[in-house]
N, C-alpha and C. Protein backbone atom coordinates (compact mmCIF):
# COMPACT_ATOMS: atom_id res chain seq x y z
N MET A 1 22.90 -41.10 125.36
CA MET A 1 23.63 -39.86 125.65
C MET A 1 22.73 -38.70 125.32
N ALA A 2 22.57 -37.87 126.19
CA ALA A 2 21.66 -36.73 126.01
C ALA A 2 22.29 -35.66 125.13
N ARG A 3 21.48 -35.07 124.21
CA ARG A 3 21.94 -33.99 123.28
C ARG A 3 21.57 -32.65 123.85
N ARG A 4 22.60 -31.74 123.78
CA ARG A 4 22.35 -30.41 124.35
C ARG A 4 21.76 -29.50 123.28
N LEU A 5 20.71 -28.86 123.61
CA LEU A 5 20.04 -27.94 122.71
C LEU A 5 20.62 -26.56 122.87
N GLU A 6 20.93 -25.94 121.62
CA GLU A 6 21.44 -24.58 121.65
C GLU A 6 20.37 -23.63 121.13
N PRO A 7 20.28 -22.45 121.64
CA PRO A 7 19.22 -21.51 121.20
C PRO A 7 19.49 -21.01 119.77
N ALA A 8 18.48 -20.88 118.96
CA ALA A 8 18.59 -20.40 117.55
C ALA A 8 18.32 -18.91 117.50
N TYR A 9 19.18 -18.20 116.77
CA TYR A 9 19.04 -16.75 116.64
C TYR A 9 18.40 -16.42 115.28
N ALA A 10 17.46 -15.58 115.18
CA ALA A 10 16.75 -15.20 113.94
C ALA A 10 17.53 -14.20 113.12
N GLY A 11 18.58 -13.65 113.54
CA GLY A 11 19.36 -12.67 112.81
C GLY A 11 19.01 -11.26 113.20
N VAL A 12 19.61 -10.33 112.40
CA VAL A 12 19.38 -8.93 112.71
C VAL A 12 18.00 -8.54 112.25
N PRO A 13 17.21 -8.01 113.00
CA PRO A 13 15.86 -7.60 112.58
C PRO A 13 15.91 -6.39 111.65
N ARG A 14 15.07 -6.45 110.54
CA ARG A 14 15.01 -5.37 109.57
C ARG A 14 13.61 -4.78 109.53
N VAL A 15 13.60 -3.49 109.42
CA VAL A 15 12.31 -2.78 109.39
C VAL A 15 12.32 -1.84 108.18
N ASN A 16 11.33 -1.92 107.23
CA ASN A 16 11.20 -1.04 106.07
C ASN A 16 10.57 0.26 106.52
N LEU A 17 11.46 1.23 106.63
CA LEU A 17 10.99 2.54 107.11
C LEU A 17 10.65 3.48 105.96
N MET A 18 10.79 2.98 104.62
CA MET A 18 10.50 3.86 103.46
C MET A 18 8.99 4.07 103.36
N PRO A 19 8.60 5.31 103.21
CA PRO A 19 7.16 5.59 103.11
C PRO A 19 6.55 4.94 101.83
N ARG A 20 5.29 4.68 101.92
CA ARG A 20 4.57 4.08 100.77
C ARG A 20 4.59 5.00 99.56
N SER A 21 4.55 6.25 99.77
CA SER A 21 4.54 7.20 98.65
C SER A 21 5.84 7.15 97.86
N GLU A 22 6.97 6.98 98.61
CA GLU A 22 8.26 6.88 97.93
C GLU A 22 8.34 5.60 97.10
N THR A 23 7.84 4.52 97.63
CA THR A 23 7.82 3.25 96.88
C THR A 23 7.00 3.40 95.61
N ASP A 24 5.85 4.02 95.70
CA ASP A 24 4.99 4.22 94.51
C ASP A 24 5.70 5.11 93.50
N ARG A 25 6.42 6.15 94.04
CA ARG A 25 7.13 7.05 93.12
C ARG A 25 8.19 6.31 92.35
N ARG A 26 8.96 5.45 93.03
CA ARG A 26 10.00 4.68 92.36
C ARG A 26 9.41 3.71 91.33
N GLU A 27 8.30 3.11 91.68
CA GLU A 27 7.65 2.20 90.72
C GLU A 27 7.18 2.96 89.49
N ARG A 28 6.64 4.18 89.73
CA ARG A 28 6.19 4.97 88.59
C ARG A 28 7.37 5.38 87.71
N GLU A 29 8.48 5.73 88.34
CA GLU A 29 9.65 6.11 87.54
C GLU A 29 10.18 4.93 86.72
N ALA A 30 10.21 3.75 87.32
CA ALA A 30 10.66 2.56 86.59
C ALA A 30 9.73 2.25 85.41
N LEU A 31 8.42 2.37 85.65
CA LEU A 31 7.47 2.13 84.58
C LEU A 31 7.60 3.18 83.48
N GLY A 32 7.85 4.44 83.91
CA GLY A 32 8.02 5.51 82.93
C GLY A 32 9.23 5.28 82.05
N ARG A 33 10.33 4.80 82.69
CA ARG A 33 11.53 4.52 81.90
C ARG A 33 11.27 3.40 80.88
N LYS A 34 10.54 2.39 81.32
CA LYS A 34 10.19 1.31 80.39
C LYS A 34 9.38 1.83 79.21
N TRP A 35 8.39 2.65 79.50
CA TRP A 35 7.58 3.22 78.41
C TRP A 35 8.42 4.12 77.51
N MET A 36 9.33 4.87 78.10
CA MET A 36 10.17 5.75 77.31
C MET A 36 11.04 4.93 76.34
N TRP A 37 11.67 3.87 76.87
CA TRP A 37 12.49 3.03 75.98
C TRP A 37 11.64 2.34 74.92
N GLY A 38 10.41 1.95 75.30
CA GLY A 38 9.52 1.33 74.30
C GLY A 38 9.17 2.29 73.18
N VAL A 39 8.85 3.58 73.58
CA VAL A 39 8.52 4.58 72.58
C VAL A 39 9.72 4.89 71.69
N LEU A 40 10.91 5.01 72.32
CA LEU A 40 12.11 5.26 71.53
C LEU A 40 12.40 4.11 70.56
N GLY A 41 12.18 2.87 71.03
CA GLY A 41 12.38 1.72 70.13
C GLY A 41 11.41 1.75 68.96
N ALA A 42 10.14 2.09 69.25
CA ALA A 42 9.15 2.17 68.17
C ALA A 42 9.52 3.25 67.16
N ILE A 43 9.99 4.42 67.70
CA ILE A 43 10.39 5.51 66.81
C ILE A 43 11.58 5.08 65.95
N LEU A 44 12.51 4.37 66.59
CA LEU A 44 13.69 3.90 65.84
C LEU A 44 13.28 2.93 64.73
N VAL A 45 12.38 1.99 65.04
CA VAL A 45 11.91 1.03 64.02
C VAL A 45 11.18 1.76 62.90
N ALA A 46 10.34 2.76 63.28
CA ALA A 46 9.63 3.53 62.25
C ALA A 46 10.60 4.28 61.35
N CYS A 47 11.65 4.85 61.97
CA CYS A 47 12.65 5.56 61.15
C CYS A 47 13.37 4.61 60.20
N MET A 48 13.67 3.42 60.68
CA MET A 48 14.33 2.44 59.82
C MET A 48 13.43 2.04 58.64
N ILE A 49 12.14 1.84 58.93
CA ILE A 49 11.18 1.49 57.86
C ILE A 49 11.08 2.61 56.84
N ILE A 50 11.00 3.87 57.34
CA ILE A 50 10.90 5.02 56.43
C ILE A 50 12.16 5.13 55.58
N ALA A 51 13.33 4.91 56.21
CA ALA A 51 14.58 4.98 55.46
C ALA A 51 14.64 3.90 54.38
N ALA A 52 14.17 2.68 54.73
CA ALA A 52 14.16 1.59 53.74
C ALA A 52 13.21 1.92 52.59
N ALA A 53 12.05 2.52 52.93
CA ALA A 53 11.09 2.89 51.88
C ALA A 53 11.69 3.95 50.96
N PHE A 54 12.36 4.94 51.57
CA PHE A 54 13.02 5.97 50.74
C PHE A 54 14.09 5.35 49.86
N GLY A 55 14.83 4.40 50.41
CA GLY A 55 15.87 3.74 49.62
C GLY A 55 15.28 2.98 48.44
N LEU A 56 14.20 2.22 48.69
CA LEU A 56 13.56 1.49 47.59
C LEU A 56 13.00 2.44 46.55
N THR A 57 12.41 3.55 47.02
CA THR A 57 11.88 4.53 46.08
C THR A 57 12.98 5.13 45.22
N TRP A 58 14.12 5.41 45.83
CA TRP A 58 15.25 5.97 45.08
C TRP A 58 15.76 4.99 44.04
N VAL A 59 15.87 3.71 44.43
CA VAL A 59 16.31 2.68 43.47
C VAL A 59 15.31 2.56 42.32
N ALA A 60 13.99 2.58 42.65
CA ALA A 60 12.97 2.47 41.61
C ALA A 60 13.03 3.68 40.66
N ASN A 61 13.24 4.86 41.23
CA ASN A 61 13.33 6.06 40.38
C ASN A 61 14.55 6.00 39.46
N GLU A 62 15.66 5.49 40.00
CA GLU A 62 16.86 5.35 39.16
C GLU A 62 16.61 4.38 38.02
N ARG A 63 15.95 3.26 38.31
CA ARG A 63 15.64 2.29 37.25
C ARG A 63 14.68 2.89 36.22
N LEU A 64 13.67 3.63 36.72
CA LEU A 64 12.72 4.27 35.81
C LEU A 64 13.43 5.27 34.91
N ALA A 65 14.34 6.04 35.47
CA ALA A 65 15.07 7.01 34.67
C ALA A 65 15.92 6.31 33.61
N ALA A 66 16.55 5.19 33.99
CA ALA A 66 17.36 4.45 33.02
C ALA A 66 16.50 3.88 31.90
N GLU A 67 15.32 3.34 32.26
CA GLU A 67 14.42 2.79 31.24
C GLU A 67 13.90 3.89 30.32
N GLN A 68 13.58 5.05 30.90
CA GLN A 68 13.11 6.17 30.07
C GLN A 68 14.19 6.65 29.13
N ALA A 69 15.43 6.67 29.62
CA ALA A 69 16.54 7.08 28.75
C ALA A 69 16.72 6.09 27.60
N GLN A 70 16.59 4.80 27.91
CA GLN A 70 16.71 3.79 26.85
C GLN A 70 15.56 3.89 25.86
N THR A 71 14.35 4.15 26.39
CA THR A 71 13.19 4.31 25.50
C THR A 71 13.37 5.51 24.58
N ASN A 72 13.85 6.61 25.14
CA ASN A 72 14.09 7.80 24.31
C ASN A 72 15.13 7.52 23.24
N GLN A 73 16.15 6.75 23.60
CA GLN A 73 17.17 6.41 22.61
C GLN A 73 16.59 5.56 21.49
N LEU A 74 15.74 4.59 21.87
CA LEU A 74 15.12 3.75 20.85
C LEU A 74 14.18 4.56 19.95
N VAL A 75 13.43 5.49 20.57
CA VAL A 75 12.54 6.33 19.76
C VAL A 75 13.34 7.17 18.78
N THR A 76 14.47 7.68 19.25
CA THR A 76 15.34 8.47 18.36
C THR A 76 15.84 7.62 17.20
N GLU A 77 16.23 6.38 17.51
CA GLU A 77 16.71 5.49 16.44
C GLU A 77 15.58 5.15 15.46
N LEU A 78 14.36 4.95 16.00
CA LEU A 78 13.23 4.65 15.11
C LEU A 78 12.90 5.84 14.21
N VAL A 79 12.99 7.03 14.76
CA VAL A 79 12.75 8.22 13.94
C VAL A 79 13.78 8.30 12.83
N GLY A 80 15.03 7.93 13.15
CA GLY A 80 16.06 7.94 12.12
C GLY A 80 15.83 6.90 11.05
N LEU A 81 15.09 5.82 11.41
CA LEU A 81 14.81 4.76 10.44
C LEU A 81 13.46 4.92 9.75
N SER A 82 12.78 6.03 10.01
CA SER A 82 11.45 6.21 9.42
C SER A 82 11.51 6.23 7.89
N ASP A 83 12.57 6.84 7.33
CA ASP A 83 12.70 6.87 5.87
C ASP A 83 12.86 5.46 5.31
N VAL A 84 13.65 4.66 6.02
CA VAL A 84 13.83 3.27 5.57
C VAL A 84 12.52 2.50 5.66
N SER A 85 11.79 2.69 6.76
CA SER A 85 10.50 2.02 6.92
C SER A 85 9.52 2.43 5.82
N GLY A 86 9.51 3.73 5.51
CA GLY A 86 8.62 4.20 4.45
C GLY A 86 9.00 3.61 3.10
N ALA A 87 10.31 3.52 2.84
CA ALA A 87 10.75 2.94 1.57
C ALA A 87 10.38 1.47 1.48
N LEU A 88 10.53 0.74 2.60
CA LEU A 88 10.17 -0.69 2.60
C LEU A 88 8.67 -0.87 2.42
N ALA A 89 7.88 0.01 3.06
CA ALA A 89 6.42 -0.08 2.89
C ALA A 89 6.02 0.19 1.45
N SER A 90 6.64 1.19 0.84
CA SER A 90 6.35 1.49 -0.57
C SER A 90 6.75 0.32 -1.47
N GLN A 91 7.89 -0.29 -1.14
CA GLN A 91 8.34 -1.44 -1.93
C GLN A 91 7.35 -2.60 -1.83
N ARG A 92 6.84 -2.84 -0.61
CA ARG A 92 5.85 -3.92 -0.44
C ARG A 92 4.58 -3.62 -1.21
N GLU A 93 4.13 -2.36 -1.17
CA GLU A 93 2.91 -2.00 -1.89
C GLU A 93 3.10 -2.17 -3.40
N LEU A 94 4.24 -1.72 -3.89
CA LEU A 94 4.50 -1.84 -5.32
C LEU A 94 4.64 -3.30 -5.75
N THR A 95 5.25 -4.10 -4.88
CA THR A 95 5.38 -5.53 -5.19
C THR A 95 4.02 -6.20 -5.25
N GLN A 96 3.14 -5.86 -4.29
CA GLN A 96 1.79 -6.42 -4.32
C GLN A 96 1.01 -5.96 -5.55
N PHE A 97 1.16 -4.68 -5.89
CA PHE A 97 0.47 -4.16 -7.07
C PHE A 97 0.96 -4.86 -8.34
N ARG A 98 2.26 -5.05 -8.44
CA ARG A 98 2.81 -5.73 -9.61
C ARG A 98 2.34 -7.18 -9.66
N ALA A 99 2.27 -7.84 -8.48
CA ALA A 99 1.81 -9.23 -8.46
C ALA A 99 0.36 -9.34 -8.94
N GLN A 100 -0.47 -8.35 -8.59
CA GLN A 100 -1.86 -8.38 -9.03
C GLN A 100 -1.98 -8.05 -10.51
N ALA A 101 -1.17 -7.05 -10.95
CA ALA A 101 -1.27 -6.64 -12.35
C ALA A 101 -0.67 -7.68 -13.30
N MET A 102 0.37 -8.40 -12.84
CA MET A 102 1.07 -9.34 -13.70
C MET A 102 0.83 -10.79 -13.28
N GLY A 103 -0.25 -11.02 -12.54
CA GLY A 103 -0.52 -12.38 -12.08
C GLY A 103 -0.78 -13.35 -13.22
N SER A 104 -1.33 -12.84 -14.33
CA SER A 104 -1.64 -13.71 -15.48
C SER A 104 -0.57 -13.61 -16.57
N ASP A 105 0.63 -13.24 -16.19
CA ASP A 105 1.72 -13.14 -17.17
C ASP A 105 2.07 -14.51 -17.75
N PHE A 106 2.26 -14.57 -19.06
CA PHE A 106 2.67 -15.82 -19.71
C PHE A 106 3.48 -15.48 -20.95
N ALA A 107 4.20 -16.46 -21.45
CA ALA A 107 4.99 -16.29 -22.66
C ALA A 107 4.17 -16.73 -23.87
N TRP A 108 4.20 -15.92 -24.94
CA TRP A 108 3.39 -16.22 -26.12
C TRP A 108 3.95 -17.40 -26.92
N ALA A 109 5.24 -17.51 -27.01
CA ALA A 109 5.84 -18.55 -27.86
C ALA A 109 5.36 -19.96 -27.51
N PRO A 110 5.35 -20.37 -26.22
CA PRO A 110 4.86 -21.72 -25.91
C PRO A 110 3.39 -21.91 -26.24
N VAL A 111 2.59 -20.85 -26.07
CA VAL A 111 1.15 -20.95 -26.37
C VAL A 111 0.95 -21.18 -27.87
N ILE A 112 1.59 -20.36 -28.69
CA ILE A 112 1.47 -20.52 -30.14
C ILE A 112 2.07 -21.85 -30.59
N GLY A 113 3.19 -22.21 -29.97
CA GLY A 113 3.83 -23.47 -30.32
C GLY A 113 2.97 -24.67 -29.98
N ALA A 114 2.21 -24.61 -28.86
CA ALA A 114 1.34 -25.72 -28.48
C ALA A 114 0.25 -25.95 -29.52
N VAL A 115 -0.28 -24.88 -30.10
CA VAL A 115 -1.34 -25.02 -31.11
C VAL A 115 -0.75 -25.49 -32.45
N THR A 116 0.30 -24.83 -32.91
CA THR A 116 0.86 -25.17 -34.23
C THR A 116 1.46 -26.57 -34.25
N SER A 117 2.00 -27.03 -33.11
CA SER A 117 2.59 -28.36 -33.09
C SER A 117 1.54 -29.46 -33.20
N ALA A 118 0.29 -29.14 -32.85
CA ALA A 118 -0.78 -30.13 -32.94
C ALA A 118 -1.49 -30.11 -34.28
N LEU A 119 -1.20 -29.12 -35.12
CA LEU A 119 -1.86 -29.03 -36.44
C LEU A 119 -1.19 -29.97 -37.42
N PRO A 120 -1.95 -30.50 -38.36
CA PRO A 120 -1.36 -31.38 -39.38
C PRO A 120 -0.49 -30.58 -40.35
N GLY A 121 0.35 -31.28 -41.10
CA GLY A 121 1.22 -30.62 -42.08
C GLY A 121 0.43 -29.91 -43.15
N GLY A 122 1.02 -28.85 -43.71
CA GLY A 122 0.35 -28.09 -44.76
C GLY A 122 -0.60 -27.04 -44.23
N THR A 123 -0.64 -26.83 -42.95
CA THR A 123 -1.52 -25.81 -42.36
C THR A 123 -0.68 -24.63 -41.88
N THR A 124 -1.33 -23.47 -41.84
CA THR A 124 -0.65 -22.25 -41.41
C THR A 124 -1.54 -21.48 -40.44
N LEU A 125 -0.96 -21.08 -39.34
CA LEU A 125 -1.69 -20.25 -38.38
C LEU A 125 -1.65 -18.81 -38.88
N THR A 126 -2.80 -18.27 -39.21
CA THR A 126 -2.86 -16.93 -39.80
C THR A 126 -3.37 -15.86 -38.84
N GLY A 127 -3.89 -16.23 -37.70
CA GLY A 127 -4.38 -15.22 -36.77
C GLY A 127 -4.96 -15.84 -35.51
N PHE A 128 -5.14 -14.98 -34.51
CA PHE A 128 -5.75 -15.45 -33.26
C PHE A 128 -6.32 -14.25 -32.51
N ASP A 129 -7.31 -14.55 -31.70
CA ASP A 129 -7.95 -13.54 -30.86
C ASP A 129 -8.17 -14.18 -29.49
N VAL A 130 -7.39 -13.75 -28.50
CA VAL A 130 -7.41 -14.42 -27.19
C VAL A 130 -7.68 -13.42 -26.08
N THR A 131 -8.14 -13.95 -24.97
CA THR A 131 -8.40 -13.16 -23.77
C THR A 131 -7.77 -13.87 -22.58
N SER A 132 -6.97 -13.13 -21.83
CA SER A 132 -6.30 -13.72 -20.67
C SER A 132 -7.29 -13.97 -19.55
N GLY A 133 -7.04 -15.05 -18.80
CA GLY A 133 -7.89 -15.38 -17.65
C GLY A 133 -7.53 -14.56 -16.43
N GLY A 134 -8.12 -14.93 -15.30
CA GLY A 134 -7.87 -14.20 -14.06
C GLY A 134 -6.58 -14.62 -13.39
N ASN A 135 -6.27 -13.92 -12.31
CA ASN A 135 -5.08 -14.25 -11.54
C ASN A 135 -5.27 -15.58 -10.83
N PRO A 136 -4.17 -16.26 -10.54
CA PRO A 136 -4.27 -17.53 -9.81
C PRO A 136 -4.90 -17.33 -8.44
N VAL A 137 -5.70 -18.29 -8.03
CA VAL A 137 -6.32 -18.27 -6.71
C VAL A 137 -5.53 -19.19 -5.79
N THR A 138 -5.21 -18.69 -4.62
CA THR A 138 -4.43 -19.47 -3.67
C THR A 138 -5.12 -20.78 -3.34
N GLY A 139 -4.38 -21.85 -3.47
CA GLY A 139 -4.91 -23.18 -3.15
C GLY A 139 -5.59 -23.88 -4.31
N SER A 140 -5.81 -23.18 -5.43
CA SER A 140 -6.48 -23.81 -6.57
C SER A 140 -5.47 -24.57 -7.42
N ASP A 141 -5.98 -25.55 -8.18
CA ASP A 141 -5.14 -26.35 -9.07
C ASP A 141 -5.01 -25.62 -10.40
N PRO A 142 -3.79 -25.23 -10.80
CA PRO A 142 -3.64 -24.48 -12.06
C PRO A 142 -4.07 -25.29 -13.28
N LYS A 143 -4.14 -26.61 -13.17
CA LYS A 143 -4.54 -27.42 -14.31
C LYS A 143 -6.05 -27.37 -14.55
N THR A 144 -6.81 -26.98 -13.55
CA THR A 144 -8.27 -26.90 -13.68
C THR A 144 -8.78 -25.46 -13.71
N ALA A 145 -7.88 -24.48 -13.65
CA ALA A 145 -8.28 -23.07 -13.67
C ALA A 145 -8.02 -22.50 -15.06
N VAL A 146 -8.98 -21.72 -15.56
CA VAL A 146 -8.87 -21.14 -16.90
C VAL A 146 -7.80 -20.06 -16.91
N GLY A 147 -6.87 -20.16 -17.86
CA GLY A 147 -5.80 -19.20 -17.96
C GLY A 147 -5.85 -18.35 -19.22
N LEU A 148 -6.38 -18.89 -20.30
CA LEU A 148 -6.42 -18.15 -21.57
C LEU A 148 -7.50 -18.77 -22.45
N VAL A 149 -8.34 -17.92 -23.02
CA VAL A 149 -9.40 -18.36 -23.92
C VAL A 149 -9.26 -17.59 -25.23
N GLY A 150 -9.29 -18.30 -26.36
CA GLY A 150 -9.11 -17.61 -27.62
C GLY A 150 -9.54 -18.42 -28.84
N THR A 151 -9.57 -17.73 -29.96
CA THR A 151 -9.90 -18.33 -31.24
C THR A 151 -8.68 -18.25 -32.15
N PHE A 152 -8.30 -19.37 -32.74
CA PHE A 152 -7.14 -19.45 -33.63
C PHE A 152 -7.62 -19.74 -35.05
N THR A 153 -7.13 -18.95 -35.99
CA THR A 153 -7.50 -19.10 -37.40
C THR A 153 -6.38 -19.83 -38.14
N VAL A 154 -6.76 -20.89 -38.88
CA VAL A 154 -5.79 -21.76 -39.57
C VAL A 154 -6.18 -21.88 -41.03
N ASN A 155 -5.22 -21.77 -41.93
CA ASN A 155 -5.43 -21.98 -43.37
C ASN A 155 -4.79 -23.29 -43.79
N SER A 156 -5.49 -23.98 -44.72
CA SER A 156 -4.97 -25.25 -45.23
C SER A 156 -5.36 -25.38 -46.71
N ALA A 157 -4.44 -25.95 -47.49
CA ALA A 157 -4.72 -26.14 -48.93
C ALA A 157 -5.68 -27.30 -49.16
N THR A 158 -5.81 -28.16 -48.21
CA THR A 158 -6.70 -29.32 -48.33
C THR A 158 -7.64 -29.34 -47.14
N PRO A 159 -8.80 -29.95 -47.32
CA PRO A 159 -9.72 -30.05 -46.18
C PRO A 159 -9.07 -30.84 -45.03
N LEU A 160 -9.34 -30.39 -43.82
CA LEU A 160 -8.79 -31.04 -42.64
C LEU A 160 -9.82 -31.93 -41.98
N ASP A 161 -9.33 -33.00 -41.37
CA ASP A 161 -10.19 -33.84 -40.53
C ASP A 161 -10.31 -33.14 -39.18
N MET A 162 -11.37 -32.36 -39.02
CA MET A 162 -11.49 -31.51 -37.84
C MET A 162 -11.54 -32.32 -36.54
N ALA A 163 -12.15 -33.50 -36.59
CA ALA A 163 -12.23 -34.30 -35.36
C ALA A 163 -10.84 -34.67 -34.86
N SER A 164 -10.02 -35.20 -35.75
CA SER A 164 -8.66 -35.59 -35.34
C SER A 164 -7.81 -34.36 -35.01
N THR A 165 -8.03 -33.25 -35.75
CA THR A 165 -7.27 -32.03 -35.46
C THR A 165 -7.61 -31.48 -34.07
N VAL A 166 -8.90 -31.47 -33.75
CA VAL A 166 -9.33 -30.98 -32.43
C VAL A 166 -8.77 -31.88 -31.33
N ARG A 167 -8.79 -33.22 -31.55
CA ARG A 167 -8.24 -34.13 -30.53
C ARG A 167 -6.75 -33.87 -30.33
N ALA A 168 -6.03 -33.60 -31.42
CA ALA A 168 -4.59 -33.33 -31.31
C ALA A 168 -4.34 -32.04 -30.54
N VAL A 169 -5.17 -31.02 -30.79
CA VAL A 169 -5.00 -29.75 -30.07
C VAL A 169 -5.32 -29.93 -28.59
N ARG A 170 -6.35 -30.74 -28.28
CA ARG A 170 -6.71 -30.98 -26.88
C ARG A 170 -5.57 -31.68 -26.12
N GLY A 171 -4.77 -32.42 -26.80
CA GLY A 171 -3.67 -33.12 -26.14
C GLY A 171 -2.41 -32.29 -26.02
N ALA A 172 -2.42 -31.07 -26.55
CA ALA A 172 -1.23 -30.22 -26.47
C ALA A 172 -1.01 -29.74 -25.04
N SER A 173 0.22 -29.36 -24.73
CA SER A 173 0.59 -28.94 -23.38
C SER A 173 -0.15 -27.66 -22.98
N GLY A 174 -0.78 -27.71 -21.82
CA GLY A 174 -1.48 -26.55 -21.27
C GLY A 174 -2.87 -26.35 -21.80
N VAL A 175 -3.33 -27.17 -22.77
CA VAL A 175 -4.67 -26.99 -23.34
C VAL A 175 -5.69 -27.65 -22.42
N MET A 176 -6.72 -26.91 -22.07
CA MET A 176 -7.77 -27.39 -21.19
C MET A 176 -8.97 -27.90 -21.99
N ALA A 177 -9.25 -27.23 -23.11
CA ALA A 177 -10.36 -27.63 -23.97
C ALA A 177 -10.13 -27.05 -25.36
N ALA A 178 -10.69 -27.71 -26.37
CA ALA A 178 -10.57 -27.23 -27.76
C ALA A 178 -11.77 -27.72 -28.55
N ASP A 179 -12.13 -26.93 -29.59
CA ASP A 179 -13.28 -27.30 -30.43
C ASP A 179 -13.16 -26.55 -31.75
N GLY A 180 -13.73 -27.16 -32.84
CA GLY A 180 -13.77 -26.51 -34.13
C GLY A 180 -15.01 -25.65 -34.25
N MET A 181 -14.83 -24.42 -34.74
CA MET A 181 -15.94 -23.48 -34.76
C MET A 181 -16.53 -23.31 -36.16
N ALA A 182 -15.72 -23.07 -37.18
CA ALA A 182 -16.27 -22.77 -38.51
C ALA A 182 -15.25 -23.13 -39.57
N VAL A 183 -15.76 -23.39 -40.78
CA VAL A 183 -14.91 -23.66 -41.93
C VAL A 183 -15.40 -22.78 -43.07
N THR A 184 -14.52 -21.98 -43.64
CA THR A 184 -14.87 -21.09 -44.75
C THR A 184 -13.74 -21.09 -45.75
N ALA A 185 -14.03 -20.48 -46.91
CA ALA A 185 -12.99 -20.31 -47.92
C ALA A 185 -12.04 -19.23 -47.45
N SER A 186 -10.75 -19.43 -47.65
CA SER A 186 -9.73 -18.50 -47.19
C SER A 186 -9.83 -17.18 -47.93
N ASN A 187 -9.73 -16.09 -47.17
CA ASN A 187 -9.69 -14.76 -47.76
C ASN A 187 -8.27 -14.32 -48.07
N VAL A 188 -7.32 -15.10 -47.64
CA VAL A 188 -5.92 -14.75 -47.83
C VAL A 188 -5.38 -15.35 -49.11
N VAL A 189 -5.58 -16.63 -49.28
CA VAL A 189 -5.09 -17.35 -50.47
C VAL A 189 -6.27 -18.07 -51.12
N VAL A 190 -6.45 -17.81 -52.41
CA VAL A 190 -7.55 -18.45 -53.14
C VAL A 190 -7.31 -19.95 -53.25
N GLY A 191 -8.36 -20.73 -53.04
CA GLY A 191 -8.24 -22.18 -53.15
C GLY A 191 -7.85 -22.86 -51.86
N GLN A 192 -7.76 -22.13 -50.78
CA GLN A 192 -7.44 -22.73 -49.49
C GLN A 192 -8.64 -22.63 -48.56
N TYR A 193 -8.59 -23.46 -47.54
CA TYR A 193 -9.67 -23.52 -46.56
C TYR A 193 -9.22 -22.82 -45.26
N GLN A 194 -10.20 -22.16 -44.67
CA GLN A 194 -9.92 -21.43 -43.43
C GLN A 194 -10.72 -22.05 -42.29
N TYR A 195 -10.01 -22.34 -41.20
CA TYR A 195 -10.64 -22.99 -40.05
C TYR A 195 -10.46 -22.11 -38.81
N GLU A 196 -11.46 -22.17 -37.97
CA GLU A 196 -11.39 -21.47 -36.69
C GLU A 196 -11.48 -22.49 -35.56
N LEU A 197 -10.51 -22.42 -34.65
CA LEU A 197 -10.45 -23.32 -33.51
C LEU A 197 -10.61 -22.53 -32.21
N SER A 198 -11.52 -22.97 -31.38
CA SER A 198 -11.67 -22.36 -30.05
C SER A 198 -10.84 -23.19 -29.07
N VAL A 199 -9.88 -22.51 -28.43
CA VAL A 199 -8.95 -23.20 -27.54
C VAL A 199 -8.96 -22.50 -26.18
N THR A 200 -9.01 -23.32 -25.11
CA THR A 200 -8.92 -22.82 -23.74
C THR A 200 -7.70 -23.43 -23.07
N PHE A 201 -6.83 -22.57 -22.59
CA PHE A 201 -5.64 -23.02 -21.88
C PHE A 201 -5.87 -22.91 -20.37
N ASN A 202 -5.23 -23.79 -19.63
CA ASN A 202 -5.29 -23.68 -18.17
C ASN A 202 -4.17 -22.76 -17.68
N GLN A 203 -4.07 -22.60 -16.36
CA GLN A 203 -3.12 -21.64 -15.80
C GLN A 203 -1.70 -22.19 -15.65
N THR A 204 -1.45 -23.37 -16.18
CA THR A 204 -0.06 -23.85 -16.17
C THR A 204 0.80 -23.06 -17.16
N ILE A 205 0.16 -22.31 -18.05
CA ILE A 205 0.95 -21.50 -18.98
C ILE A 205 1.48 -20.22 -18.33
N TYR A 206 0.94 -19.88 -17.14
CA TYR A 206 1.40 -18.67 -16.47
C TYR A 206 2.86 -18.83 -16.03
N SER A 207 3.59 -17.75 -16.12
CA SER A 207 5.01 -17.80 -15.76
C SER A 207 5.23 -17.83 -14.25
N GLY A 208 4.33 -17.20 -13.48
CA GLY A 208 4.51 -17.13 -12.03
C GLY A 208 5.69 -16.29 -11.62
N GLN A 209 6.22 -15.50 -12.53
CA GLN A 209 7.43 -14.72 -12.26
C GLN A 209 7.19 -13.63 -11.21
N TYR A 210 5.97 -13.12 -11.14
CA TYR A 210 5.70 -12.00 -10.24
C TYR A 210 4.87 -12.43 -9.03
N ASP A 211 4.73 -13.73 -8.82
CA ASP A 211 3.99 -14.22 -7.67
C ASP A 211 4.83 -14.04 -6.42
N THR A 212 4.33 -13.23 -5.47
CA THR A 212 5.11 -12.95 -4.26
C THR A 212 5.17 -14.16 -3.35
N LYS A 213 4.34 -15.18 -3.54
CA LYS A 213 4.36 -16.36 -2.69
C LYS A 213 5.35 -17.40 -3.15
N VAL A 214 5.90 -17.17 -4.35
CA VAL A 214 6.87 -18.12 -4.89
C VAL A 214 8.26 -17.59 -4.63
N ALA A 215 9.10 -18.39 -3.99
CA ALA A 215 10.48 -17.96 -3.71
C ALA A 215 11.27 -17.94 -5.00
N LYS A 216 11.90 -16.79 -5.24
CA LYS A 216 12.69 -16.66 -6.46
C LYS A 216 14.13 -17.01 -6.18
């Protein structure tokens, strides 16, 4: 069966009658609008950045002002406490001075008692001449540090065994060393003997009452 061919129509013909100059003008205007919006967007972003910077600066200034106000308040409080600080500093200085001046403080009764308790019966302690040692040294052993050096005078109606007497004195509490120095006739009581004992005490005799390192 034969097919009938129908003619094809191309449609309504169109002709661009707009001049080239007008087309270029419209393109330039479109490009100009794009650039204008781009510039406006950039200006808007810049304004936002500047506003954010101003905002951060304002917050920082407010914080700085608050910190300065707190600092001024603390300085005012410290000025009010200056008298207390001065009194505490003076107290510390006086405490240190007292610790240095009284570092070798000791009680006489135990020292005299240590010597007399080691003497044999019938003897009398008639005098002494002693010199206090230095202040305690931090970290040193008080049993090996010299605390008191002196000479003790003893009277006896009978001759004494100086060797045994010296050994007894050396064994007394706080005694570091002892020795017999001289034997003479007593000037106090006729017919009695006078003995001189050299005795060195260690620093265990110190009271430590004014030592600032010792908790009271």
